[in-house]
Amino acid sequence: MAFKARLSGEIAGIIAAHLTQINTYVPNAAHEVHVPDDLLQILLRIDRMLTTAPEYSSFAQQAEIDSLLNEIEHFLRQMTVSFDDDFESTLIGRIWSQANDWRTRASQGGSAPVRISDVWELIKPVVPDCLEMTADGRCTAKWWKPYPVMDVEILMRTEGIRILGEPYEPSDLPGGIAVTFSLI
């Protein structure tokens, strides 16, 4: 139970730090930190799955770890967490690092699944507000209003990706823009 409470405390700390950062843009906004239970459950699930030796893992287990890690990385990037030594010394950082190592060892000998962190590296210097990846390898970069036109233009011309249609305004993001692409 202490493990779960410590993990929950770290998630709350990440969210509180992010809220403090954005408080300059939304002054005097009252906020209460709420730790999403699904996020906590994802981290606990990853930690449990790490007990299986990667060389004996099934494809389904590898796909599940990959999916769960993508969700965690999505959350951490939205919270503008730096993936540095300080982060890796935290409990969340340790789970994230060990899961990435596990995934790498599990995929040796076969083609490694594409990780969301690899996509972030590929599209640099473009920094969307949100980057989503589906199981079939499609990625969607989203920016909310006002979106940086230059980022969209750079993404459209980035080598190593195939744009899957014109930029569009997603129904869940009025005034924003999204670009869907796949890796070549």
N, C-alpha and C. Protein backbone atom coordinates (compact mmCIF):
# COMPACT_ATOMS: atom_id res chain seq x y z
N MET A 1 0.82 -1.19 0.00
CA MET A 1 0.00 0.00 0.00
C MET A 1 0.87 1.26 0.00
N ALA A 2 2.01 1.20 0.69
CA ALA A 2 2.89 2.36 0.73
C ALA A 2 3.42 2.68 -0.66
N PHE A 3 3.65 1.63 -1.45
CA PHE A 3 4.13 1.81 -2.82
C PHE A 3 3.11 2.60 -3.63
N LYS A 4 1.85 2.22 -3.53
CA LYS A 4 0.78 2.89 -4.27
C LYS A 4 0.63 4.34 -3.80
N ALA A 5 0.71 4.56 -2.50
CA ALA A 5 0.59 5.91 -1.95
C ALA A 5 1.76 6.79 -2.41
N ARG A 6 2.95 6.23 -2.42
CA ARG A 6 4.13 6.98 -2.87
C ARG A 6 4.01 7.33 -4.35
N LEU A 7 3.55 6.37 -5.14
CA LEU A 7 3.35 6.59 -6.58
C LEU A 7 2.29 7.67 -6.80
N SER A 8 1.21 7.61 -6.06
CA SER A 8 0.14 8.60 -6.16
C SER A 8 0.67 9.99 -5.78
N GLY A 9 1.50 10.04 -4.76
CA GLY A 9 2.10 11.31 -4.34
C GLY A 9 2.99 11.91 -5.42
N GLU A 10 3.74 11.07 -6.12
CA GLU A 10 4.59 11.56 -7.20
C GLU A 10 3.76 12.09 -8.37
N ILE A 11 2.69 11.40 -8.71
CA ILE A 11 1.80 11.88 -9.78
C ILE A 11 1.22 13.23 -9.38
N ALA A 12 0.77 13.35 -8.14
CA ALA A 12 0.22 14.61 -7.65
C ALA A 12 1.27 15.72 -7.73
N GLY A 13 2.51 15.39 -7.41
CA GLY A 13 3.60 16.37 -7.50
C GLY A 13 3.83 16.85 -8.92
N ILE A 14 3.79 15.93 -9.88
CA ILE A 14 3.97 16.30 -11.29
C ILE A 14 2.84 17.22 -11.74
N ILE A 15 1.61 16.86 -11.37
CA ILE A 15 0.46 17.69 -11.77
C ILE A 15 0.54 19.06 -11.10
N ALA A 16 0.88 19.10 -9.81
CA ALA A 16 0.98 20.38 -9.09
C ALA A 16 2.06 21.27 -9.71
N ALA A 17 3.20 20.68 -10.08
CA ALA A 17 4.27 21.46 -10.71
C ALA A 17 3.81 22.04 -12.04
N HIS A 18 3.06 21.24 -12.80
CA HIS A 18 2.55 21.73 -14.09
C HIS A 18 1.54 22.85 -13.88
N LEU A 19 0.66 22.69 -12.92
CA LEU A 19 -0.32 23.74 -12.63
C LEU A 19 0.36 25.03 -12.18
N THR A 20 1.45 24.91 -11.44
CA THR A 20 2.22 26.09 -11.03
C THR A 20 2.81 26.77 -12.25
N GLN A 21 3.31 26.00 -13.20
CA GLN A 21 3.87 26.56 -14.43
C GLN A 21 2.82 27.34 -15.22
N ILE A 22 1.64 26.77 -15.35
CA ILE A 22 0.63 27.44 -16.18
C ILE A 22 -0.14 28.50 -15.41
N ASN A 23 0.06 28.60 -14.11
CA ASN A 23 -0.63 29.59 -13.30
C ASN A 23 -0.29 31.01 -13.74
N THR A 24 0.88 31.23 -14.35
CA THR A 24 1.21 32.56 -14.85
C THR A 24 0.30 32.96 -16.00
N TYR A 25 -0.24 32.00 -16.71
CA TYR A 25 -1.14 32.28 -17.83
C TYR A 25 -2.60 32.33 -17.40
N VAL A 26 -2.89 31.71 -16.27
CA VAL A 26 -4.25 31.69 -15.72
C VAL A 26 -4.15 32.15 -14.27
N PRO A 27 -3.88 33.46 -14.06
CA PRO A 27 -3.66 33.93 -12.69
C PRO A 27 -4.90 33.79 -11.81
N ASN A 28 -4.63 33.58 -10.55
CA ASN A 28 -5.68 33.48 -9.52
C ASN A 28 -6.65 32.34 -9.75
N ALA A 29 -6.24 31.39 -10.55
CA ALA A 29 -7.11 30.22 -10.78
C ALA A 29 -6.93 29.25 -9.63
N ALA A 30 -8.02 28.91 -9.00
CA ALA A 30 -7.95 27.92 -7.93
C ALA A 30 -7.89 26.55 -8.56
N HIS A 31 -7.02 25.72 -8.06
CA HIS A 31 -6.94 24.37 -8.61
C HIS A 31 -6.69 23.37 -7.48
N GLU A 32 -7.25 22.23 -7.70
CA GLU A 32 -7.08 21.13 -6.77
C GLU A 32 -6.46 19.99 -7.55
N VAL A 33 -5.43 19.41 -6.97
CA VAL A 33 -4.75 18.31 -7.65
C VAL A 33 -5.54 17.03 -7.44
N HIS A 34 -5.88 16.40 -8.54
CA HIS A 34 -6.60 15.11 -8.52
C HIS A 34 -5.75 14.11 -9.28
N VAL A 35 -5.38 13.05 -8.63
CA VAL A 35 -4.59 12.00 -9.28
C VAL A 35 -5.55 11.07 -10.02
N PRO A 36 -5.44 11.03 -11.35
CA PRO A 36 -6.32 10.13 -12.11
C PRO A 36 -6.05 8.66 -11.75
N ASP A 37 -7.10 7.97 -11.34
CA ASP A 37 -6.95 6.58 -10.93
C ASP A 37 -6.44 5.71 -12.09
N ASP A 38 -6.90 6.01 -13.33
CA ASP A 38 -6.46 5.19 -14.45
C ASP A 38 -4.95 5.32 -14.68
N LEU A 39 -4.40 6.50 -14.46
CA LEU A 39 -2.96 6.71 -14.60
C LEU A 39 -2.20 5.92 -13.54
N LEU A 40 -2.69 5.97 -12.33
CA LEU A 40 -2.08 5.21 -11.25
C LEU A 40 -2.14 3.72 -11.55
N GLN A 41 -3.28 3.24 -12.04
CA GLN A 41 -3.43 1.82 -12.37
C GLN A 41 -2.49 1.40 -13.51
N ILE A 42 -2.27 2.29 -14.48
CA ILE A 42 -1.35 1.99 -15.57
C ILE A 42 0.06 1.77 -15.03
N LEU A 43 0.50 2.67 -14.15
CA LEU A 43 1.84 2.54 -13.58
C LEU A 43 1.96 1.27 -12.74
N LEU A 44 0.93 0.96 -11.96
CA LEU A 44 0.96 -0.27 -11.17
C LEU A 44 0.97 -1.50 -12.06
N ARG A 45 0.21 -1.47 -13.15
CA ARG A 45 0.18 -2.60 -14.10
C ARG A 45 1.55 -2.79 -14.75
N ILE A 46 2.16 -1.69 -15.18
CA ILE A 46 3.51 -1.80 -15.78
C ILE A 46 4.47 -2.41 -14.77
N ASP A 47 4.43 -1.93 -13.53
CA ASP A 47 5.34 -2.44 -12.51
C ASP A 47 5.15 -3.93 -12.30
N ARG A 48 3.89 -4.39 -12.29
CA ARG A 48 3.63 -5.84 -12.14
C ARG A 48 4.14 -6.62 -13.35
N MET A 49 3.98 -6.05 -14.55
CA MET A 49 4.39 -6.76 -15.76
C MET A 49 5.91 -6.89 -15.86
N LEU A 50 6.63 -6.00 -15.20
CA LEU A 50 8.09 -6.06 -15.26
C LEU A 50 8.66 -7.28 -14.55
N THR A 51 7.82 -7.99 -13.78
CA THR A 51 8.30 -9.19 -13.10
C THR A 51 8.46 -10.37 -14.07
N THR A 52 7.85 -10.27 -15.24
CA THR A 52 8.00 -11.31 -16.27
C THR A 52 9.30 -11.03 -17.03
N ALA A 53 10.13 -12.04 -17.17
CA ALA A 53 11.37 -11.86 -17.93
C ALA A 53 11.01 -11.51 -19.38
N PRO A 54 11.63 -10.48 -19.93
CA PRO A 54 11.25 -10.04 -21.27
C PRO A 54 11.43 -11.12 -22.34
N GLU A 55 12.43 -11.97 -22.18
CA GLU A 55 12.66 -13.01 -23.19
C GLU A 55 11.58 -14.08 -23.17
N TYR A 56 10.77 -14.13 -22.10
CA TYR A 56 9.69 -15.10 -22.02
C TYR A 56 8.32 -14.45 -22.18
N SER A 57 8.32 -13.20 -22.56
CA SER A 57 7.04 -12.49 -22.70
C SER A 57 6.38 -12.82 -24.03
N SER A 58 5.08 -12.74 -24.02
CA SER A 58 4.32 -12.97 -25.25
C SER A 58 4.24 -11.68 -26.05
N PHE A 59 3.83 -11.80 -27.31
CA PHE A 59 3.65 -10.62 -28.13
C PHE A 59 2.58 -9.71 -27.53
N ALA A 60 1.53 -10.32 -26.96
CA ALA A 60 0.46 -9.54 -26.34
C ALA A 60 0.98 -8.74 -25.15
N GLN A 61 1.86 -9.35 -24.35
CA GLN A 61 2.44 -8.63 -23.22
C GLN A 61 3.32 -7.47 -23.70
N GLN A 62 4.08 -7.71 -24.75
CA GLN A 62 4.93 -6.66 -25.31
C GLN A 62 4.07 -5.51 -25.84
N ALA A 63 3.00 -5.85 -26.53
CA ALA A 63 2.11 -4.83 -27.07
C ALA A 63 1.43 -4.04 -25.95
N GLU A 64 1.06 -4.75 -24.86
CA GLU A 64 0.43 -4.06 -23.74
C GLU A 64 1.40 -3.10 -23.06
N ILE A 65 2.62 -3.54 -22.82
CA ILE A 65 3.64 -2.65 -22.22
C ILE A 65 3.85 -1.45 -23.12
N ASP A 66 3.94 -1.69 -24.42
CA ASP A 66 4.15 -0.59 -25.37
C ASP A 66 3.00 0.41 -25.28
N SER A 67 1.79 -0.07 -25.27
CA SER A 67 0.62 0.80 -25.20
C SER A 67 0.58 1.57 -23.88
N LEU A 68 0.84 0.89 -22.78
CA LEU A 68 0.82 1.54 -21.48
C LEU A 68 1.92 2.59 -21.36
N LEU A 69 3.10 2.27 -21.88
CA LEU A 69 4.20 3.24 -21.85
C LEU A 69 3.88 4.46 -22.70
N ASN A 70 3.25 4.25 -23.84
CA ASN A 70 2.85 5.38 -24.67
C ASN A 70 1.90 6.31 -23.93
N GLU A 71 0.97 5.73 -23.16
CA GLU A 71 0.04 6.55 -22.39
C GLU A 71 0.77 7.33 -21.30
N ILE A 72 1.71 6.68 -20.63
CA ILE A 72 2.48 7.36 -19.58
C ILE A 72 3.32 8.48 -20.19
N GLU A 73 3.99 8.20 -21.29
CA GLU A 73 4.82 9.22 -21.93
C GLU A 73 3.96 10.39 -22.41
N HIS A 74 2.77 10.10 -22.89
CA HIS A 74 1.85 11.16 -23.32
C HIS A 74 1.53 12.07 -22.13
N PHE A 75 1.20 11.48 -21.00
CA PHE A 75 0.90 12.26 -19.79
C PHE A 75 2.12 13.07 -19.36
N LEU A 76 3.28 12.44 -19.30
CA LEU A 76 4.49 13.13 -18.83
C LEU A 76 4.87 14.29 -19.74
N ARG A 77 4.69 14.11 -21.04
CA ARG A 77 5.01 15.21 -21.97
C ARG A 77 4.01 16.35 -21.84
N GLN A 78 2.74 16.03 -21.62
CA GLN A 78 1.76 17.08 -21.40
C GLN A 78 2.07 17.87 -20.13
N MET A 79 2.63 17.20 -19.15
CA MET A 79 3.00 17.85 -17.90
C MET A 79 4.39 18.49 -17.98
N THR A 80 5.00 18.45 -19.16
CA THR A 80 6.33 19.02 -19.44
C THR A 80 7.40 18.50 -18.49
N VAL A 81 7.38 17.20 -18.24
CA VAL A 81 8.39 16.56 -17.40
C VAL A 81 9.65 16.36 -18.22
N SER A 82 10.80 16.67 -17.64
CA SER A 82 12.08 16.43 -18.30
C SER A 82 12.53 15.01 -17.97
N PHE A 83 12.91 14.27 -18.99
CA PHE A 83 13.35 12.89 -18.81
C PHE A 83 14.85 12.89 -18.49
N ASP A 84 15.21 13.41 -17.33
CA ASP A 84 16.61 13.54 -16.95
C ASP A 84 16.92 12.63 -15.76
N ASP A 85 18.13 12.77 -15.21
CA ASP A 85 18.53 11.93 -14.08
C ASP A 85 17.65 12.14 -12.86
N ASP A 86 17.23 13.40 -12.63
CA ASP A 86 16.35 13.66 -11.49
C ASP A 86 15.04 12.92 -11.65
N PHE A 87 14.49 12.92 -12.87
CA PHE A 87 13.24 12.20 -13.11
C PHE A 87 13.44 10.71 -12.91
N GLU A 88 14.54 10.17 -13.43
CA GLU A 88 14.77 8.72 -13.32
C GLU A 88 15.05 8.27 -11.89
N SER A 89 15.33 9.21 -10.99
CA SER A 89 15.53 8.84 -9.59
C SER A 89 14.21 8.74 -8.83
N THR A 90 13.11 9.19 -9.46
CA THR A 90 11.80 9.07 -8.82
C THR A 90 11.24 7.67 -9.06
N LEU A 91 10.21 7.33 -8.34
CA LEU A 91 9.57 6.02 -8.51
C LEU A 91 8.97 5.90 -9.91
N ILE A 92 8.29 6.95 -10.35
CA ILE A 92 7.71 6.93 -11.70
C ILE A 92 8.82 6.82 -12.74
N GLY A 93 9.89 7.57 -12.54
CA GLY A 93 11.02 7.52 -13.47
C GLY A 93 11.66 6.15 -13.52
N ARG A 94 11.76 5.50 -12.36
CA ARG A 94 12.33 4.15 -12.31
C ARG A 94 11.45 3.17 -13.07
N ILE A 95 10.15 3.24 -12.87
CA ILE A 95 9.23 2.34 -13.59
C ILE A 95 9.33 2.60 -15.08
N TRP A 96 9.31 3.87 -15.47
CA TRP A 96 9.40 4.25 -16.89
C TRP A 96 10.71 3.74 -17.51
N SER A 97 11.82 3.95 -16.82
CA SER A 97 13.12 3.53 -17.34
C SER A 97 13.23 2.01 -17.45
N GLN A 98 12.80 1.31 -16.40
CA GLN A 98 12.86 -0.15 -16.42
C GLN A 98 11.93 -0.72 -17.49
N ALA A 99 10.78 -0.12 -17.67
CA ALA A 99 9.86 -0.61 -18.69
C ALA A 99 10.43 -0.39 -20.09
N ASN A 100 11.11 0.73 -20.31
CA ASN A 100 11.75 0.96 -21.60
C ASN A 100 12.86 -0.05 -21.85
N ASP A 101 13.65 -0.34 -20.80
CA ASP A 101 14.70 -1.36 -20.93
C ASP A 101 14.09 -2.73 -21.20
N TRP A 102 13.00 -3.04 -20.48
CA TRP A 102 12.30 -4.32 -20.65
C TRP A 102 11.82 -4.45 -22.09
N ARG A 103 11.21 -3.39 -22.58
CA ARG A 103 10.67 -3.39 -23.95
C ARG A 103 11.79 -3.59 -24.97
N THR A 104 12.92 -2.95 -24.75
CA THR A 104 14.05 -3.09 -25.67
C THR A 104 14.56 -4.53 -25.66
N ARG A 105 14.73 -5.11 -24.48
CA ARG A 105 15.21 -6.49 -24.40
C ARG A 105 14.19 -7.47 -24.98
N ALA A 106 12.90 -7.20 -24.78
CA ALA A 106 11.86 -8.09 -25.29
C ALA A 106 11.81 -8.09 -26.81
N SER A 107 12.14 -6.96 -27.41
CA SER A 107 12.03 -6.86 -28.86
C SER A 107 13.31 -7.22 -29.60
N GLN A 108 14.37 -7.54 -28.88
CA GLN A 108 15.61 -7.92 -29.56
C GLN A 108 15.39 -9.21 -30.34
N GLY A 109 15.91 -9.21 -31.53
CA GLY A 109 15.74 -10.37 -32.40
C GLY A 109 14.59 -10.18 -33.37
N GLY A 110 13.73 -9.26 -33.11
CA GLY A 110 12.61 -8.95 -33.99
C GLY A 110 12.61 -7.46 -34.25
N SER A 111 11.63 -7.01 -34.96
CA SER A 111 11.56 -5.57 -35.18
C SER A 111 10.91 -4.91 -33.97
N ALA A 112 11.57 -3.93 -33.43
CA ALA A 112 11.08 -3.26 -32.24
C ALA A 112 9.88 -2.39 -32.58
N PRO A 113 8.89 -2.36 -31.70
CA PRO A 113 7.76 -1.48 -31.95
C PRO A 113 8.21 -0.02 -31.87
N VAL A 114 7.55 0.82 -32.62
CA VAL A 114 7.87 2.25 -32.60
C VAL A 114 7.33 2.83 -31.30
N ARG A 115 8.17 3.57 -30.62
CA ARG A 115 7.77 4.19 -29.36
C ARG A 115 7.42 5.64 -29.61
N ILE A 116 6.51 6.15 -28.80
CA ILE A 116 6.09 7.54 -28.94
C ILE A 116 7.29 8.47 -28.73
N SER A 117 8.22 8.09 -27.86
CA SER A 117 9.41 8.93 -27.64
C SER A 117 10.26 9.01 -28.90
N ASP A 118 10.28 7.92 -29.69
CA ASP A 118 11.02 7.94 -30.97
C ASP A 118 10.36 8.91 -31.95
N VAL A 119 9.03 8.97 -31.94
CA VAL A 119 8.31 9.88 -32.83
C VAL A 119 8.60 11.32 -32.43
N TRP A 120 8.60 11.60 -31.12
CA TRP A 120 8.93 12.96 -30.66
C TRP A 120 10.31 13.36 -31.17
N GLU A 121 11.27 12.44 -31.09
CA GLU A 121 12.63 12.74 -31.57
C GLU A 121 12.65 12.99 -33.07
N LEU A 122 11.90 12.19 -33.81
CA LEU A 122 11.88 12.29 -35.27
C LEU A 122 11.32 13.63 -35.74
N ILE A 123 10.30 14.13 -35.07
CA ILE A 123 9.64 15.34 -35.57
C ILE A 123 10.25 16.63 -35.01
N LYS A 124 11.27 16.52 -34.17
CA LYS A 124 11.94 17.74 -33.66
C LYS A 124 12.35 18.60 -34.82
N PRO A 125 12.26 19.88 -34.77
CA PRO A 125 11.95 20.78 -33.65
C PRO A 125 10.46 21.04 -33.46
N VAL A 126 9.61 20.32 -34.17
CA VAL A 126 8.17 20.49 -34.03
C VAL A 126 7.75 19.98 -32.65
N VAL A 127 6.92 20.77 -31.96
CA VAL A 127 6.45 20.39 -30.63
C VAL A 127 4.93 20.59 -30.57
N PRO A 128 4.18 19.55 -30.93
CA PRO A 128 2.72 19.68 -30.83
C PRO A 128 2.29 19.70 -29.36
N ASP A 129 1.10 20.21 -29.11
CA ASP A 129 0.56 20.21 -27.75
C ASP A 129 0.20 18.79 -27.32
N CYS A 130 -0.09 17.95 -28.31
CA CYS A 130 -0.48 16.57 -28.02
C CYS A 130 -0.03 15.69 -29.19
N LEU A 131 0.55 14.56 -28.88
CA LEU A 131 0.95 13.60 -29.91
C LEU A 131 0.36 12.26 -29.53
N GLU A 132 -0.51 11.73 -30.39
CA GLU A 132 -1.18 10.45 -30.13
C GLU A 132 -0.69 9.43 -31.14
N MET A 133 -0.66 8.17 -30.71
CA MET A 133 -0.22 7.10 -31.60
C MET A 133 -1.16 5.91 -31.42
N THR A 134 -1.63 5.36 -32.54
CA THR A 134 -2.52 4.22 -32.48
C THR A 134 -1.71 2.93 -32.60
N ALA A 135 -2.34 1.81 -32.32
CA ALA A 135 -1.65 0.52 -32.38
C ALA A 135 -1.15 0.20 -33.78
N ASP A 136 -1.82 0.73 -34.81
CA ASP A 136 -1.39 0.43 -36.18
C ASP A 136 -0.28 1.37 -36.67
N GLY A 137 0.24 2.23 -35.78
CA GLY A 137 1.38 3.07 -36.13
C GLY A 137 1.04 4.45 -36.67
N ARG A 138 -0.23 4.81 -36.70
CA ARG A 138 -0.60 6.16 -37.13
C ARG A 138 -0.41 7.13 -35.98
N CYS A 139 0.09 8.30 -36.32
CA CYS A 139 0.33 9.33 -35.32
C CYS A 139 -0.50 10.55 -35.66
N THR A 140 -0.96 11.24 -34.65
CA THR A 140 -1.69 12.49 -34.85
C THR A 140 -1.08 13.54 -33.94
N ALA A 141 -0.59 14.60 -34.57
CA ALA A 141 -0.06 15.74 -33.83
C ALA A 141 -1.17 16.78 -33.76
N LYS A 142 -1.42 17.31 -32.56
CA LYS A 142 -2.49 18.29 -32.38
C LYS A 142 -1.95 19.54 -31.69
N TRP A 143 -2.46 20.66 -32.14
CA TRP A 143 -2.17 21.94 -31.50
C TRP A 143 -3.49 22.63 -31.22
N TRP A 144 -3.62 23.24 -30.04
CA TRP A 144 -4.82 24.01 -29.82
C TRP A 144 -4.56 25.46 -30.15
N LYS A 145 -5.63 26.20 -30.21
CA LYS A 145 -5.63 27.58 -30.64
C LYS A 145 -4.87 28.46 -29.65
N PRO A 146 -4.07 29.40 -30.06
CA PRO A 146 -3.59 29.62 -31.43
C PRO A 146 -2.45 28.66 -31.73
N TYR A 147 -2.49 28.01 -32.85
CA TYR A 147 -1.48 27.01 -33.18
C TYR A 147 -0.33 27.66 -33.97
N PRO A 148 0.88 27.13 -33.80
CA PRO A 148 2.05 27.67 -34.51
C PRO A 148 2.08 27.17 -35.96
N VAL A 149 1.79 28.03 -36.89
CA VAL A 149 1.73 27.67 -38.30
C VAL A 149 3.06 27.06 -38.76
N MET A 150 4.16 27.60 -38.25
CA MET A 150 5.48 27.10 -38.67
C MET A 150 5.68 25.64 -38.26
N ASP A 151 5.23 25.25 -37.08
CA ASP A 151 5.35 23.85 -36.66
C ASP A 151 4.61 22.93 -37.62
N VAL A 152 3.42 23.33 -38.02
CA VAL A 152 2.63 22.52 -38.96
C VAL A 152 3.37 22.40 -40.29
N GLU A 153 3.91 23.51 -40.76
CA GLU A 153 4.64 23.50 -42.04
C GLU A 153 5.88 22.62 -41.96
N ILE A 154 6.62 22.71 -40.87
CA ILE A 154 7.83 21.89 -40.70
C ILE A 154 7.44 20.41 -40.66
N LEU A 155 6.39 20.08 -39.92
CA LEU A 155 5.95 18.68 -39.84
C LEU A 155 5.57 18.15 -41.22
N MET A 156 4.90 18.96 -42.00
CA MET A 156 4.46 18.53 -43.33
C MET A 156 5.66 18.21 -44.24
N ARG A 157 6.82 18.75 -43.92
CA ARG A 157 8.01 18.55 -44.76
C ARG A 157 9.09 17.70 -44.07
N THR A 158 8.77 17.07 -42.96
CA THR A 158 9.73 16.27 -42.22
C THR A 158 10.00 14.95 -42.95
N GLU A 159 11.29 14.66 -43.14
CA GLU A 159 11.66 13.38 -43.77
C GLU A 159 11.41 12.25 -42.80
N GLY A 160 11.02 11.11 -43.34
CA GLY A 160 10.80 9.93 -42.52
C GLY A 160 9.35 9.73 -42.12
N ILE A 161 8.48 10.66 -42.52
CA ILE A 161 7.06 10.48 -42.23
C ILE A 161 6.24 10.65 -43.50
N ARG A 162 5.07 10.03 -43.51
CA ARG A 162 4.13 10.16 -44.64
C ARG A 162 2.87 10.82 -44.08
N ILE A 163 2.53 11.98 -44.62
CA ILE A 163 1.33 12.70 -44.18
C ILE A 163 0.11 11.98 -44.75
N LEU A 164 -0.87 11.72 -43.89
CA LEU A 164 -2.06 10.96 -44.28
C LEU A 164 -3.26 11.90 -44.41
N GLY A 165 -3.15 12.87 -45.28
CA GLY A 165 -4.25 13.81 -45.50
C GLY A 165 -3.84 15.22 -45.11
N GLU A 166 -4.70 16.14 -45.44
CA GLU A 166 -4.45 17.54 -45.14
C GLU A 166 -4.65 17.82 -43.65
N PRO A 167 -3.99 18.87 -43.13
CA PRO A 167 -4.28 19.28 -41.75
C PRO A 167 -5.77 19.58 -41.60
N TYR A 168 -6.31 19.28 -40.44
CA TYR A 168 -7.75 19.45 -40.22
C TYR A 168 -8.02 19.93 -38.80
N GLU A 169 -9.24 20.45 -38.61
CA GLU A 169 -9.67 20.86 -37.28
C GLU A 169 -10.41 19.68 -36.64
N PRO A 170 -9.82 19.10 -35.60
CA PRO A 170 -10.47 17.94 -34.97
C PRO A 170 -11.75 18.35 -34.24
N SER A 171 -12.71 17.45 -34.23
CA SER A 171 -14.00 17.75 -33.60
C SER A 171 -13.86 17.98 -32.09
N ASP A 172 -12.84 17.37 -31.47
CA ASP A 172 -12.66 17.54 -30.03
C ASP A 172 -11.77 18.73 -29.67
N LEU A 173 -11.38 19.54 -30.70
CA LEU A 173 -10.48 20.66 -30.46
C LEU A 173 -10.86 21.86 -31.33
N PRO A 174 -11.98 22.52 -31.03
CA PRO A 174 -12.42 23.65 -31.85
C PRO A 174 -11.36 24.74 -31.95
N GLY A 175 -11.09 25.17 -33.16
CA GLY A 175 -10.08 26.21 -33.40
C GLY A 175 -8.67 25.68 -33.48
N GLY A 176 -8.49 24.42 -33.14
CA GLY A 176 -7.16 23.81 -33.20
C GLY A 176 -6.90 23.19 -34.56
N ILE A 177 -5.78 22.50 -34.65
CA ILE A 177 -5.43 21.84 -35.90
C ILE A 177 -4.74 20.52 -35.59
N ALA A 178 -4.90 19.57 -36.48
CA ALA A 178 -4.28 18.25 -36.31
C ALA A 178 -3.71 17.78 -37.64
N VAL A 179 -2.64 17.02 -37.54
CA VAL A 179 -2.02 16.41 -38.72
C VAL A 179 -1.81 14.94 -38.40
N THR A 180 -2.33 14.06 -39.24
CA THR A 180 -2.16 12.63 -39.07
C THR A 180 -1.09 12.14 -40.02
N PHE A 181 -0.19 11.27 -39.52
CA PHE A 181 0.92 10.79 -40.34
C PHE A 181 1.34 9.41 -39.88
N SER A 182 2.14 8.77 -40.70
CA SER A 182 2.74 7.49 -40.33
C SER A 182 4.22 7.58 -40.60
N LEU A 183 4.97 6.66 -40.01
CA LEU A 183 6.42 6.63 -40.22
C LEU A 183 6.74 5.80 -41.45
N ILE A 184 7.75 6.24 -42.17
CA ILE A 184 8.17 5.52 -43.37
C ILE A 184 9.26 4.55 -42.99
